[in-house]
């Protein structure tokens, strides 16, 4: 299934523990609300992000150069406000072309409601329909709550490298890679 056909189901409204949110891909017009979303993330957490997301030019370039085949940002929107971003990253060629990487950020006001779980499940389903065989998630530092959530969703700890990466202030942290195998439709049909 091509990325375009996987996106045909969006936008869609989902109920997440009584919160009715719209899920939809990032759009070129999302520069300001996407920037506002990232600015609401505490600075101590932004240190662990790979990009300087408070720089509006970074966000502007993301919104201008959307390539859903490589990076599929799925937004959770409530009352025209972005409250979460979950992205499926893919290498379209090479030795990791069968593996998708997931990243999720939830607005601090909306944590603890199951939003991250719902978005991870949504992206795993998209990855499965895109014929990816595995998904992985990277963590820097402890991030115990996030790692626990991924573990509950079937991700195993694949690798831990002590003091391997540095945050935006050049402080060293452990690098943790978690991953899981994605079952195909045929495998699901055999379960019963």
Protein backbone atom coordinates (compact mmCIF):
# COMPACT_ATOMS: atom_id res chain seq x y z
CA UNK A 1 0.00 0.00 0.00
CA UNK A 2 1.38 3.39 -0.96
CA UNK A 3 1.65 6.23 1.52
CA UNK A 4 -1.09 8.19 -0.29
CA UNK A 5 -3.60 5.38 0.15
CA UNK A 6 -2.61 5.02 3.82
CA UNK A 7 -3.44 8.71 4.27
CA UNK A 8 -6.91 8.44 2.73
CA UNK A 9 -8.38 7.67 6.16
CA UNK A 10 -7.35 11.11 7.44
CA UNK A 11 -8.46 13.38 8.86
CA UNK A 12 -10.38 11.27 11.30
CA UNK A 13 -11.75 11.83 14.77
CA UNK A 14 -10.86 9.42 17.56
CA UNK A 15 -11.91 9.22 21.18
CA UNK A 16 -8.97 9.01 23.59
CA UNK A 17 -10.31 8.48 27.11
CA UNK A 18 -13.18 10.92 26.59
CA UNK A 19 -11.12 13.39 24.58
CA UNK A 20 -12.34 13.72 21.00
CA UNK A 21 -9.33 14.61 18.85
CA UNK A 22 -8.75 14.91 15.14
CA UNK A 23 -5.83 12.97 13.68
CA UNK A 24 -4.36 14.32 10.47
CA UNK A 25 -1.02 14.67 8.71
CA UNK A 26 1.06 17.83 9.00
CA UNK A 27 0.08 20.47 6.42
CA UNK A 28 2.02 23.40 4.90
CA UNK A 29 -0.28 25.83 6.76
CA UNK A 30 0.69 24.39 10.19
CA UNK A 31 3.83 26.52 10.72
CA UNK A 32 2.51 28.73 13.52
CA UNK A 33 0.49 26.16 15.50
CA UNK A 34 3.25 23.53 15.12
CA UNK A 35 5.83 26.02 16.39
CA UNK A 36 3.54 26.97 19.30
CA UNK A 37 3.14 23.27 20.13
CA UNK A 38 6.89 22.70 20.37
CA UNK A 39 7.43 25.90 22.35
CA UNK A 40 5.03 24.51 24.97
CA UNK A 41 7.25 21.48 25.50
CA UNK A 42 9.44 22.10 28.57
CA UNK A 43 13.00 23.12 27.76
CA UNK A 44 14.36 20.19 29.77
CA UNK A 45 12.54 17.84 27.36
CA UNK A 46 13.46 19.76 24.20
CA UNK A 47 17.09 19.02 25.04
CA UNK A 48 16.36 15.44 23.99
CA UNK A 49 14.91 16.33 20.58
CA UNK A 50 17.17 16.05 17.54
CA UNK A 51 16.22 19.44 16.10
CA UNK A 52 15.94 22.97 17.41
CA UNK A 53 12.15 22.94 17.33
CA UNK A 54 11.78 26.41 18.87
CA UNK A 55 13.45 27.87 15.79
CA UNK A 56 10.51 28.83 13.57
CA UNK A 57 12.70 28.43 10.48
CA UNK A 58 13.14 24.72 11.30
CA UNK A 59 9.36 24.32 11.54
CA UNK A 60 8.82 26.42 8.41
CA UNK A 61 11.15 24.13 6.43
CA UNK A 62 9.39 21.02 7.75
CA UNK A 63 6.01 22.38 6.68
CA UNK A 64 7.34 23.58 3.32
CA UNK A 65 9.15 20.36 2.42
CA UNK A 66 6.68 17.70 3.49
CA UNK A 67 7.56 14.23 2.18
CA UNK A 68 5.10 11.79 3.73
CA UNK A 69 7.02 8.86 2.25
CA UNK A 70 10.10 9.69 4.33
CA UNK A 71 8.57 11.42 7.36
CA UNK A 72 4.88 11.12 8.10
CA UNK A 73 3.98 13.53 10.95
CA UNK A 74 0.55 12.61 12.30
CA UNK A 75 -0.90 15.40 14.43
CA UNK A 76 -3.51 15.22 17.16
CA UNK A 77 -5.59 18.39 16.99
CA UNK A 78 -8.13 19.63 19.55
CA UNK A 79 -10.09 22.84 18.88
CA UNK A 80 -7.63 23.83 16.13
CA UNK A 81 -4.71 23.41 18.55
CA UNK A 82 -1.97 20.83 17.97
CA UNK A 83 -1.70 18.74 21.13
CA UNK A 84 0.55 15.91 19.92
CA UNK A 85 2.86 14.93 17.09
CA UNK A 86 3.75 11.35 16.21
CA UNK A 87 6.02 10.77 13.23
CA UNK A 88 6.83 7.67 11.21
CA UNK A 89 10.32 8.05 9.72
CA UNK A 90 11.39 5.79 6.84
CA UNK A 91 14.47 5.11 4.76
CA UNK A 92 13.13 4.45 1.28
CA UNK A 93 16.21 2.52 0.22
CA UNK A 94 19.19 0.79 1.73
CA UNK A 95 19.52 -1.80 4.41
CA UNK A 96 16.91 -0.28 6.78
CA UNK A 97 14.15 0.22 4.18
CA UNK A 98 11.96 -2.37 5.96
CA UNK A 99 12.17 -0.54 9.32
CA UNK A 100 10.20 2.51 10.40
CA UNK A 101 11.22 4.73 13.30
CA UNK A 102 8.60 6.30 15.54
CA UNK A 103 8.81 9.49 17.55
CA UNK A 104 6.06 10.97 19.70
CA UNK A 105 5.72 14.27 21.57
CA UNK A 106 2.60 15.14 23.58
CA UNK A 107 1.76 18.64 24.85
CA UNK A 108 2.32 18.74 28.64
CA UNK A 109 -1.33 19.63 29.33
CA UNK A 110 -2.55 16.47 27.58
CA UNK A 111 -0.23 13.81 28.99
CA UNK A 112 -1.46 10.83 30.94
CA UNK A 113 -4.63 10.46 28.88
CA UNK A 114 -3.53 7.72 26.50
CA UNK A 115 -2.79 10.03 23.59
CA UNK A 116 0.77 8.77 23.04
CA UNK A 117 -0.46 5.17 23.14
CA UNK A 118 -3.19 5.88 20.58
CA UNK A 119 -0.75 7.64 18.26
CA UNK A 120 1.86 4.88 18.49
CA UNK A 121 -0.80 2.29 17.68
CA UNK A 122 -1.97 4.42 14.76
CA UNK A 123 1.55 4.69 13.33
CA UNK A 124 2.24 0.97 13.81
CA UNK A 125 -0.91 0.26 11.80
CA UNK A 126 0.20 2.64 9.04
CA UNK A 127 3.66 1.03 9.03
CA UNK A 128 2.10 -2.40 8.72
CA UNK A 129 0.01 -1.29 5.74
CA UNK A 130 3.15 0.19 4.17
CA UNK A 131 4.66 -3.33 4.37
CA UNK A 132 7.29 -2.35 6.90
CA UNK A 133 8.46 -5.36 8.88
CA UNK A 134 9.71 -3.62 12.01
CA UNK A 135 9.34 -0.37 13.89
CA UNK A 136 11.79 1.11 16.32
CA UNK A 137 12.00 4.02 18.75
CA UNK A 138 15.07 5.83 20.04
CA UNK A 139 15.46 7.24 23.52
CA UNK A 140 18.08 9.48 25.03
CA UNK A 141 18.61 9.53 28.75
CA UNK A 142 16.26 7.80 31.11
CA UNK A 143 12.80 8.61 29.63
CA UNK A 144 11.43 5.80 31.82
CA UNK A 145 7.72 6.53 31.28
CA UNK A 146 8.04 6.56 27.49
CA UNK A 147 10.11 3.36 27.47
CA UNK A 148 7.55 1.66 29.72
CA UNK A 149 4.72 2.65 27.35
CA UNK A 150 6.56 1.30 24.32
CA UNK A 151 7.30 -1.93 26.21
CA UNK A 152 3.56 -2.34 26.97
CA UNK A 153 2.94 -1.95 23.22
CA UNK A 154 5.25 -4.85 22.35
CA UNK A 155 8.58 -3.06 21.91
CA UNK A 156 11.68 -4.78 23.26
CA UNK A 157 14.89 -3.12 24.37
CA UNK A 158 17.34 -3.86 21.56
CA UNK A 159 20.35 -1.82 22.56
CA UNK A 160 21.68 0.38 25.36
CA UNK A 161 24.84 2.43 24.80
CA UNK A 162 25.94 4.29 27.95
CA UNK A 163 26.88 7.98 27.48
CA UNK A 164 26.67 7.56 23.71
CA UNK A 165 24.71 10.65 22.65
CA UNK A 166 24.69 14.29 23.71
CA UNK A 167 21.71 16.57 24.27
CA UNK A 168 21.43 20.10 22.90
CA UNK A 169 23.65 21.35 25.75
CA UNK A 170 26.35 18.76 24.93
CA UNK A 171 25.63 16.67 28.04
CA UNK A 172 26.17 12.91 27.51
CA UNK A 173 23.29 10.46 27.92
CA UNK A 174 22.59 6.81 27.36
CA UNK A 175 21.17 5.87 23.95
CA UNK A 176 18.41 3.25 24.02
CA UNK A 177 16.91 1.57 20.96
CA UNK A 178 13.62 -0.31 21.29
CA UNK A 179 11.85 -2.19 18.52
CA UNK A 180 9.16 -4.65 17.56
CA UNK A 181 8.21 -6.85 14.66
CA UNK A 182 5.03 -5.94 12.80
CA UNK A 183 2.62 -8.73 11.99
CA UNK A 184 1.24 -8.81 8.47
CA UNK A 185 -2.43 -9.24 7.56
CA UNK A 186 -1.73 -12.89 6.76
CA UNK A 187 -0.30 -13.48 10.23
CA UNK A 188 -3.33 -11.85 11.85
CA UNK A 189 -5.67 -14.04 9.78
CA UNK A 190 -4.01 -17.15 11.26
CA UNK A 191 -4.71 -16.07 14.85
CA UNK A 192 -7.93 -17.03 16.34
